Amino acid sequence: MAETEGKVIAQNKKARHDYFIEETFEAGMVLQGTEIKSIRAGRMNLKDSFARVKNGEVYLHNAHISEYEQGNRYNHDPVRARKLLLHKKQINQLIGQTQQKGYSIVPLKVYIKNGFAKILIGLAKGKKNFDKRETLRQKDAKREVERALKDRLKG
């Protein structure tokens, strides 16, 4: 649904391994001054982060934004919950989907678009272990086919 533009700051590579991403949404983030400076410096980590709907608003939890070196006493808490900016219609859609068993909201990547930090979140359904193995098998098979085609073109 949403295409990323601009510089990608952080990616959650494990999300596509652990979840089936059914739909994606682009959201803005409510940030403090030192947070956006750290993000622009590329000092953000999405590992183990998740989003949750609370009181009709979406919040990002466990996303780590390192403290800004020149921030002195105005620095932020690195793992505080951050509000995500979405349209009401999108929030209602997320509420409806996450109430179903097995669905959650997972951040996929953070990037700068038109000077603003944006986050791509995905509506995700958890994979079972056999699904993960099947995905790895498909990836290996695709790699083998590409390698064989590459060798055939050379030879």
N, C-alpha and C. Protein backbone atom coordinates (compact mmCIF):
# COMPACT_ATOMS: atom_id res chain seq x y z
N MET A 1 0.83 -1.20 0.00
CA MET A 1 0.00 0.00 0.00
C MET A 1 0.86 1.25 0.00
N ALA A 2 1.82 1.31 0.90
CA ALA A 2 2.65 2.51 1.01
C ALA A 2 4.04 2.22 0.46
N GLU A 3 4.53 3.09 -0.39
CA GLU A 3 5.87 2.98 -0.92
C GLU A 3 6.79 3.92 -0.18
N THR A 4 7.97 3.43 0.15
CA THR A 4 8.90 4.26 0.90
C THR A 4 9.66 5.17 -0.05
N GLU A 5 9.93 6.38 0.41
CA GLU A 5 10.74 7.32 -0.32
C GLU A 5 11.80 7.83 0.63
N GLY A 6 12.92 8.25 0.10
CA GLY A 6 13.93 8.85 0.94
C GLY A 6 14.83 7.82 1.59
N LYS A 7 15.56 8.26 2.60
CA LYS A 7 16.61 7.48 3.25
C LYS A 7 16.02 6.54 4.30
N VAL A 8 16.27 5.25 4.17
CA VAL A 8 15.81 4.27 5.16
C VAL A 8 16.77 4.32 6.35
N ILE A 9 16.21 4.55 7.53
CA ILE A 9 17.01 4.69 8.75
C ILE A 9 17.17 3.35 9.46
N ALA A 10 16.06 2.65 9.66
CA ALA A 10 16.09 1.38 10.38
C ALA A 10 15.10 0.41 9.73
N GLN A 11 15.47 -0.88 9.73
CA GLN A 11 14.60 -1.91 9.19
C GLN A 11 14.46 -3.03 10.20
N ASN A 12 13.28 -3.63 10.24
CA ASN A 12 13.03 -4.77 11.10
C ASN A 12 13.03 -6.01 10.21
N LYS A 13 14.21 -6.56 9.96
CA LYS A 13 14.33 -7.70 9.04
C LYS A 13 13.69 -8.95 9.61
N LYS A 14 13.69 -9.08 10.91
CA LYS A 14 13.12 -10.27 11.56
C LYS A 14 11.60 -10.32 11.42
N ALA A 15 10.96 -9.17 11.19
CA ALA A 15 9.50 -9.13 11.09
C ALA A 15 8.99 -9.98 9.94
N ARG A 16 9.62 -9.89 8.78
CA ARG A 16 9.15 -10.68 7.63
C ARG A 16 9.46 -12.16 7.80
N HIS A 17 10.42 -12.48 8.67
CA HIS A 17 10.74 -13.88 8.96
C HIS A 17 9.72 -14.48 9.93
N ASP A 18 9.29 -13.68 10.90
CA ASP A 18 8.41 -14.19 11.96
C ASP A 18 6.92 -14.01 11.67
N TYR A 19 6.57 -13.18 10.70
CA TYR A 19 5.16 -12.85 10.44
C TYR A 19 4.85 -12.87 8.95
N PHE A 20 3.58 -13.15 8.64
CA PHE A 20 3.03 -12.91 7.31
C PHE A 20 2.52 -11.47 7.35
N ILE A 21 3.04 -10.57 6.52
CA ILE A 21 2.60 -9.18 6.49
C ILE A 21 1.43 -9.10 5.51
N GLU A 22 0.25 -8.78 6.04
CA GLU A 22 -0.95 -8.77 5.21
C GLU A 22 -1.24 -7.41 4.60
N GLU A 23 -0.96 -6.34 5.36
CA GLU A 23 -1.21 -4.99 4.87
C GLU A 23 -0.23 -4.04 5.54
N THR A 24 0.15 -2.98 4.82
CA THR A 24 1.08 -2.01 5.40
C THR A 24 0.44 -0.62 5.45
N PHE A 25 0.87 0.16 6.42
CA PHE A 25 0.39 1.52 6.60
C PHE A 25 1.60 2.43 6.84
N GLU A 26 1.56 3.63 6.28
CA GLU A 26 2.59 4.62 6.56
C GLU A 26 2.06 5.55 7.64
N ALA A 27 2.86 5.76 8.68
CA ALA A 27 2.42 6.60 9.79
C ALA A 27 3.52 7.60 10.14
N GLY A 28 3.10 8.74 10.63
CA GLY A 28 4.05 9.71 11.18
C GLY A 28 4.29 9.36 12.63
N MET A 29 5.33 9.98 13.22
CA MET A 29 5.64 9.73 14.62
C MET A 29 5.71 11.05 15.36
N VAL A 30 5.19 11.06 16.60
CA VAL A 30 5.31 12.22 17.46
C VAL A 30 6.65 12.08 18.18
N LEU A 31 7.58 12.99 17.87
CA LEU A 31 8.94 12.90 18.40
C LEU A 31 9.34 14.18 19.11
N GLN A 32 10.33 14.05 19.99
CA GLN A 32 10.94 15.22 20.62
C GLN A 32 12.10 15.67 19.74
N GLY A 33 12.62 16.87 19.99
CA GLY A 33 13.68 17.44 19.17
C GLY A 33 14.93 16.60 19.10
N THR A 34 15.36 16.05 20.24
CA THR A 34 16.58 15.25 20.23
C THR A 34 16.36 13.89 19.56
N GLU A 35 15.11 13.41 19.54
CA GLU A 35 14.83 12.13 18.91
C GLU A 35 15.00 12.22 17.40
N ILE A 36 14.47 13.27 16.78
CA ILE A 36 14.59 13.39 15.33
C ILE A 36 16.04 13.58 14.92
N LYS A 37 16.82 14.25 15.75
CA LYS A 37 18.24 14.43 15.44
C LYS A 37 18.97 13.08 15.48
N SER A 38 18.63 12.25 16.46
CA SER A 38 19.24 10.92 16.54
C SER A 38 18.80 10.05 15.37
N ILE A 39 17.53 10.15 14.97
CA ILE A 39 17.03 9.36 13.84
C ILE A 39 17.75 9.78 12.57
N ARG A 40 17.91 11.08 12.36
CA ARG A 40 18.61 11.55 11.15
C ARG A 40 20.05 11.08 11.13
N ALA A 41 20.65 10.88 12.32
CA ALA A 41 22.01 10.36 12.41
C ALA A 41 22.04 8.84 12.24
N GLY A 42 20.86 8.22 12.10
CA GLY A 42 20.78 6.78 11.87
C GLY A 42 20.90 5.94 13.12
N ARG A 43 20.58 6.52 14.27
CA ARG A 43 20.76 5.81 15.55
C ARG A 43 19.42 5.33 16.09
N MET A 44 18.80 4.40 15.36
CA MET A 44 17.51 3.84 15.78
C MET A 44 17.52 2.35 15.54
N ASN A 45 16.80 1.61 16.42
CA ASN A 45 16.73 0.16 16.32
C ASN A 45 15.28 -0.28 16.52
N LEU A 46 14.76 -1.08 15.60
CA LEU A 46 13.37 -1.56 15.68
C LEU A 46 13.27 -2.99 16.22
N LYS A 47 14.38 -3.59 16.61
CA LYS A 47 14.36 -4.97 17.06
C LYS A 47 13.46 -5.11 18.30
N ASP A 48 12.60 -6.11 18.31
CA ASP A 48 11.67 -6.41 19.40
C ASP A 48 10.64 -5.31 19.65
N SER A 49 10.44 -4.41 18.69
CA SER A 49 9.44 -3.36 18.89
C SER A 49 8.09 -3.81 18.32
N PHE A 50 7.04 -3.18 18.82
CA PHE A 50 5.68 -3.51 18.38
C PHE A 50 4.81 -2.28 18.56
N ALA A 51 3.64 -2.30 17.93
CA ALA A 51 2.68 -1.21 18.07
C ALA A 51 1.42 -1.76 18.71
N ARG A 52 0.75 -0.90 19.46
CA ARG A 52 -0.46 -1.31 20.16
C ARG A 52 -1.48 -0.17 20.10
N VAL A 53 -2.75 -0.52 19.95
CA VAL A 53 -3.82 0.48 19.95
C VAL A 53 -4.31 0.65 21.38
N LYS A 54 -4.34 1.91 21.85
CA LYS A 54 -4.81 2.20 23.20
C LYS A 54 -5.63 3.48 23.16
N ASN A 55 -6.86 3.41 23.63
CA ASN A 55 -7.79 4.56 23.65
C ASN A 55 -7.95 5.21 22.28
N GLY A 56 -8.03 4.40 21.24
CA GLY A 56 -8.24 4.94 19.90
C GLY A 56 -7.00 5.58 19.28
N GLU A 57 -5.82 5.36 19.87
CA GLU A 57 -4.57 5.88 19.33
C GLU A 57 -3.57 4.74 19.25
N VAL A 58 -2.64 4.84 18.30
CA VAL A 58 -1.64 3.79 18.11
C VAL A 58 -0.31 4.26 18.70
N TYR A 59 0.32 3.40 19.50
CA TYR A 59 1.60 3.71 20.13
C TYR A 59 2.64 2.69 19.74
N LEU A 60 3.87 3.15 19.53
CA LEU A 60 5.01 2.30 19.23
C LEU A 60 5.77 2.04 20.52
N HIS A 61 5.98 0.77 20.85
CA HIS A 61 6.66 0.38 22.08
C HIS A 61 7.98 -0.31 21.76
N ASN A 62 8.96 -0.19 22.67
CA ASN A 62 10.26 -0.88 22.61
C ASN A 62 11.14 -0.48 21.44
N ALA A 63 10.83 0.57 20.70
CA ALA A 63 11.73 1.05 19.65
C ALA A 63 12.81 1.89 20.33
N HIS A 64 14.05 1.57 20.04
CA HIS A 64 15.15 2.24 20.72
C HIS A 64 15.73 3.35 19.83
N ILE A 65 15.64 4.58 20.31
CA ILE A 65 16.29 5.72 19.66
C ILE A 65 17.37 6.20 20.62
N SER A 66 18.63 6.08 20.21
CA SER A 66 19.75 6.44 21.08
C SER A 66 19.69 7.91 21.46
N GLU A 67 20.24 8.21 22.64
CA GLU A 67 20.28 9.61 23.07
C GLU A 67 21.18 10.41 22.14
N TYR A 68 20.83 11.67 21.95
CA TYR A 68 21.60 12.57 21.09
C TYR A 68 22.80 13.09 21.88
N GLU A 69 23.99 13.01 21.27
CA GLU A 69 25.21 13.36 22.00
C GLU A 69 25.20 14.79 22.52
N GLN A 70 24.73 15.74 21.71
CA GLN A 70 24.72 17.14 22.13
C GLN A 70 23.42 17.53 22.82
N GLY A 71 22.65 16.55 23.27
CA GLY A 71 21.33 16.82 23.84
C GLY A 71 21.33 17.31 25.27
N ASN A 72 22.42 17.17 25.99
CA ASN A 72 22.57 17.47 27.43
C ASN A 72 21.31 17.17 28.23
N ARG A 73 20.80 18.08 29.00
CA ARG A 73 19.66 17.77 29.89
C ARG A 73 18.33 17.65 29.15
N TYR A 74 18.29 18.04 27.89
CA TYR A 74 17.05 17.97 27.11
C TYR A 74 16.88 16.62 26.42
N ASN A 75 17.76 15.68 26.71
CA ASN A 75 17.70 14.38 26.05
C ASN A 75 16.43 13.61 26.41
N HIS A 76 16.09 12.65 25.57
CA HIS A 76 14.86 11.87 25.70
C HIS A 76 15.16 10.49 26.31
N ASP A 77 14.09 9.81 26.72
CA ASP A 77 14.19 8.42 27.19
C ASP A 77 14.28 7.54 25.93
N PRO A 78 15.32 6.71 25.80
CA PRO A 78 15.53 5.96 24.55
C PRO A 78 14.41 4.98 24.17
N VAL A 79 13.68 4.41 25.13
CA VAL A 79 12.68 3.40 24.77
C VAL A 79 11.25 3.79 25.16
N ARG A 80 10.96 5.07 25.23
CA ARG A 80 9.62 5.49 25.61
C ARG A 80 8.60 5.13 24.53
N ALA A 81 7.33 5.06 24.91
CA ALA A 81 6.26 4.79 23.94
C ALA A 81 6.03 6.05 23.11
N ARG A 82 5.96 5.89 21.80
CA ARG A 82 5.78 7.03 20.90
C ARG A 82 4.47 6.90 20.15
N LYS A 83 3.74 7.99 20.08
CA LYS A 83 2.45 7.99 19.40
C LYS A 83 2.66 8.00 17.89
N LEU A 84 1.87 7.19 17.19
CA LEU A 84 1.91 7.14 15.74
C LEU A 84 0.71 7.88 15.18
N LEU A 85 0.93 8.60 14.10
CA LEU A 85 -0.12 9.42 13.51
C LEU A 85 -0.71 8.71 12.30
N LEU A 86 -1.97 8.30 12.45
CA LEU A 86 -2.70 7.63 11.39
C LEU A 86 -4.08 8.26 11.26
N HIS A 87 -4.73 8.03 10.12
CA HIS A 87 -6.10 8.50 9.95
C HIS A 87 -7.04 7.63 10.79
N LYS A 88 -8.15 8.19 11.23
CA LYS A 88 -9.12 7.49 12.07
C LYS A 88 -9.60 6.20 11.39
N LYS A 89 -9.81 6.26 10.08
CA LYS A 89 -10.27 5.10 9.33
C LYS A 89 -9.24 3.97 9.40
N GLN A 90 -7.95 4.32 9.30
CA GLN A 90 -6.89 3.31 9.38
C GLN A 90 -6.82 2.71 10.78
N ILE A 91 -6.96 3.56 11.81
CA ILE A 91 -6.92 3.08 13.19
C ILE A 91 -8.08 2.12 13.45
N ASN A 92 -9.27 2.46 12.97
CA ASN A 92 -10.43 1.58 13.14
C ASN A 92 -10.21 0.24 12.43
N GLN A 93 -9.58 0.29 11.27
CA GLN A 93 -9.29 -0.94 10.54
C GLN A 93 -8.30 -1.80 11.34
N LEU A 94 -7.28 -1.16 11.92
CA LEU A 94 -6.30 -1.89 12.74
C LEU A 94 -6.95 -2.49 13.98
N ILE A 95 -7.84 -1.73 14.62
CA ILE A 95 -8.54 -2.23 15.80
C ILE A 95 -9.34 -3.48 15.44
N GLY A 96 -10.08 -3.42 14.34
CA GLY A 96 -10.89 -4.56 13.91
C GLY A 96 -10.05 -5.78 13.61
N GLN A 97 -8.92 -5.59 12.95
CA GLN A 97 -8.08 -6.73 12.57
C GLN A 97 -7.32 -7.32 13.76
N THR A 98 -6.81 -6.45 14.67
CA THR A 98 -6.00 -6.97 15.78
C THR A 98 -6.83 -7.67 16.84
N GLN A 99 -8.13 -7.48 16.82
CA GLN A 99 -8.98 -8.20 17.77
C GLN A 99 -9.14 -9.67 17.35
N GLN A 100 -8.80 -9.97 16.09
CA GLN A 100 -8.81 -11.36 15.65
C GLN A 100 -7.58 -12.06 16.22
N LYS A 101 -7.73 -13.32 16.49
CA LYS A 101 -6.63 -14.09 17.10
C LYS A 101 -5.44 -14.19 16.15
N GLY A 102 -4.26 -13.92 16.68
CA GLY A 102 -3.04 -14.09 15.92
C GLY A 102 -2.54 -12.88 15.17
N TYR A 103 -3.30 -11.79 15.16
CA TYR A 103 -2.87 -10.59 14.43
C TYR A 103 -2.21 -9.60 15.37
N SER A 104 -1.19 -8.92 14.87
CA SER A 104 -0.53 -7.87 15.64
C SER A 104 -0.02 -6.80 14.68
N ILE A 105 0.43 -5.69 15.25
CA ILE A 105 0.94 -4.57 14.46
C ILE A 105 2.45 -4.53 14.66
N VAL A 106 3.19 -4.66 13.56
CA VAL A 106 4.64 -4.77 13.63
C VAL A 106 5.28 -3.64 12.81
N PRO A 107 6.24 -2.91 13.38
CA PRO A 107 6.96 -1.90 12.58
C PRO A 107 7.93 -2.59 11.62
N LEU A 108 7.95 -2.12 10.38
CA LEU A 108 8.79 -2.73 9.36
C LEU A 108 10.03 -1.89 9.06
N LYS A 109 9.85 -0.58 8.88
CA LYS A 109 11.01 0.27 8.61
C LYS A 109 10.70 1.72 8.95
N VAL A 110 11.75 2.47 9.24
CA VAL A 110 11.66 3.90 9.51
C VAL A 110 12.49 4.62 8.46
N TYR A 111 11.94 5.69 7.90
CA TYR A 111 12.64 6.43 6.86
C TYR A 111 12.25 7.90 6.95
N ILE A 112 13.05 8.74 6.27
CA ILE A 112 12.78 10.18 6.21
C ILE A 112 12.11 10.47 4.88
N LYS A 113 10.95 11.12 4.92
CA LYS A 113 10.21 11.47 3.72
C LYS A 113 9.80 12.93 3.82
N ASN A 114 10.25 13.73 2.88
CA ASN A 114 9.97 15.18 2.86
C ASN A 114 10.35 15.86 4.18
N GLY A 115 11.42 15.42 4.79
CA GLY A 115 11.90 16.02 6.03
C GLY A 115 11.25 15.48 7.29
N PHE A 116 10.29 14.59 7.16
CA PHE A 116 9.60 14.03 8.32
C PHE A 116 9.97 12.56 8.49
N ALA A 117 10.07 12.11 9.74
CA ALA A 117 10.33 10.70 10.01
C ALA A 117 9.00 9.94 9.88
N LYS A 118 9.01 8.93 9.04
CA LYS A 118 7.82 8.09 8.82
C LYS A 118 8.15 6.66 9.20
N ILE A 119 7.13 5.93 9.60
CA ILE A 119 7.32 4.52 9.93
C ILE A 119 6.32 3.70 9.12
N LEU A 120 6.80 2.60 8.59
CA LEU A 120 5.95 1.69 7.84
C LEU A 120 5.58 0.56 8.80
N ILE A 121 4.30 0.47 9.15
CA ILE A 121 3.85 -0.60 10.05
C ILE A 121 3.05 -1.60 9.25
N GLY A 122 3.09 -2.84 9.68
CA GLY A 122 2.38 -3.88 8.97
C GLY A 122 1.41 -4.62 9.87
N LEU A 123 0.27 -4.95 9.31
CA LEU A 123 -0.68 -5.81 9.99
C LEU A 123 -0.20 -7.23 9.75
N ALA A 124 0.19 -7.92 10.82
CA ALA A 124 0.91 -9.18 10.66
C ALA A 124 0.22 -10.32 11.39
N LYS A 125 0.34 -11.50 10.80
CA LYS A 125 -0.14 -12.73 11.42
C LYS A 125 1.07 -13.60 11.68
N GLY A 126 1.19 -14.11 12.89
CA GLY A 126 2.37 -14.89 13.28
C GLY A 126 2.54 -16.16 12.48
N LYS A 127 3.79 -16.48 12.18
CA LYS A 127 4.11 -17.72 11.47
C LYS A 127 4.41 -18.82 12.48
N LYS A 128 4.06 -20.02 12.12
CA LYS A 128 4.44 -21.19 12.90
C LYS A 128 5.83 -21.63 12.44
N ASN A 129 6.46 -22.52 13.18
CA ASN A 129 7.82 -22.95 12.84
C ASN A 129 7.90 -23.60 11.46
N PHE A 130 6.89 -24.40 11.08
CA PHE A 130 6.95 -25.04 9.78
C PHE A 130 6.80 -24.02 8.66
N ASP A 131 6.06 -22.91 8.90
CA ASP A 131 5.95 -21.84 7.91
C ASP A 131 7.30 -21.18 7.70
N LYS A 132 8.04 -20.96 8.79
CA LYS A 132 9.37 -20.34 8.69
C LYS A 132 10.31 -21.23 7.89
N ARG A 133 10.26 -22.54 8.16
CA ARG A 133 11.13 -23.47 7.42
C ARG A 133 10.77 -23.48 5.94
N GLU A 134 9.48 -23.44 5.65
CA GLU A 134 9.03 -23.43 4.25
C GLU A 134 9.50 -22.17 3.54
N THR A 135 9.44 -21.02 4.23
CA THR A 135 9.91 -19.77 3.65
C THR A 135 11.41 -19.85 3.35
N LEU A 136 12.17 -20.40 4.27
CA LEU A 136 13.62 -20.55 4.04
C LEU A 136 13.89 -21.50 2.87
N ARG A 137 13.11 -22.58 2.77
CA ARG A 137 13.26 -23.53 1.67
C ARG A 137 13.00 -22.85 0.33
N GLN A 138 11.94 -22.03 0.26
CA GLN A 138 11.62 -21.33 -0.97
C GLN A 138 12.72 -20.34 -1.35
N LYS A 139 13.24 -19.65 -0.33
CA LYS A 139 14.32 -18.68 -0.57
C LYS A 139 15.56 -19.38 -1.11
N ASP A 140 15.90 -20.54 -0.53
CA ASP A 140 17.07 -21.30 -1.00
C ASP A 140 16.86 -21.79 -2.43
N ALA A 141 15.66 -22.28 -2.74
CA ALA A 141 15.37 -22.76 -4.09
C ALA A 141 15.48 -21.63 -5.10
N LYS A 142 14.97 -20.47 -4.75
CA LYS A 142 15.05 -19.31 -5.64
C LYS A 142 16.50 -18.91 -5.89
N ARG A 143 17.31 -18.96 -4.82
CA ARG A 143 18.73 -18.62 -4.93
C ARG A 143 19.45 -19.62 -5.86
N GLU A 144 19.11 -20.91 -5.73
CA GLU A 144 19.72 -21.93 -6.58
C GLU A 144 19.37 -21.72 -8.05
N VAL A 145 18.11 -21.39 -8.32
CA VAL A 145 17.66 -21.16 -9.71
C VAL A 145 18.41 -19.95 -10.29
N GLU A 146 18.52 -18.88 -9.51
CA GLU A 146 19.22 -17.69 -9.99
C GLU A 146 20.70 -17.99 -10.24
N ARG A 147 21.30 -18.80 -9.38
CA ARG A 147 22.71 -19.16 -9.54
C ARG A 147 22.90 -20.00 -10.81
N ALA A 148 21.96 -20.94 -11.05
CA ALA A 148 22.04 -21.79 -12.24
C ALA A 148 21.88 -20.95 -13.51
N LEU A 149 20.94 -20.01 -13.50
CA LEU A 149 20.75 -19.14 -14.67
C LEU A 149 21.98 -18.28 -14.92
N LYS A 150 22.57 -17.78 -13.85
CA LYS A 150 23.77 -16.94 -13.96
C LYS A 150 24.93 -17.74 -14.55
N ASP A 151 25.10 -19.00 -14.07
CA ASP A 151 26.17 -19.86 -14.60
C ASP A 151 25.92 -20.20 -16.06
N ARG A 152 24.67 -20.42 -16.44
CA ARG A 152 24.33 -20.76 -17.82
C ARG A 152 24.62 -19.58 -18.73
N LEU A 153 24.33 -18.37 -18.28
CA LEU A 153 24.60 -17.19 -19.11
C LEU A 153 26.10 -16.95 -19.29
N LYS A 154 26.88 -17.27 -18.28
CA LYS A 154 28.34 -17.10 -18.38
C LYS A 154 28.96 -18.15 -19.33
N GLY A 155 28.48 -19.39 -19.19
CA GLY A 155 29.09 -20.51 -19.91
C GLY A 155 28.56 -20.74 -21.23
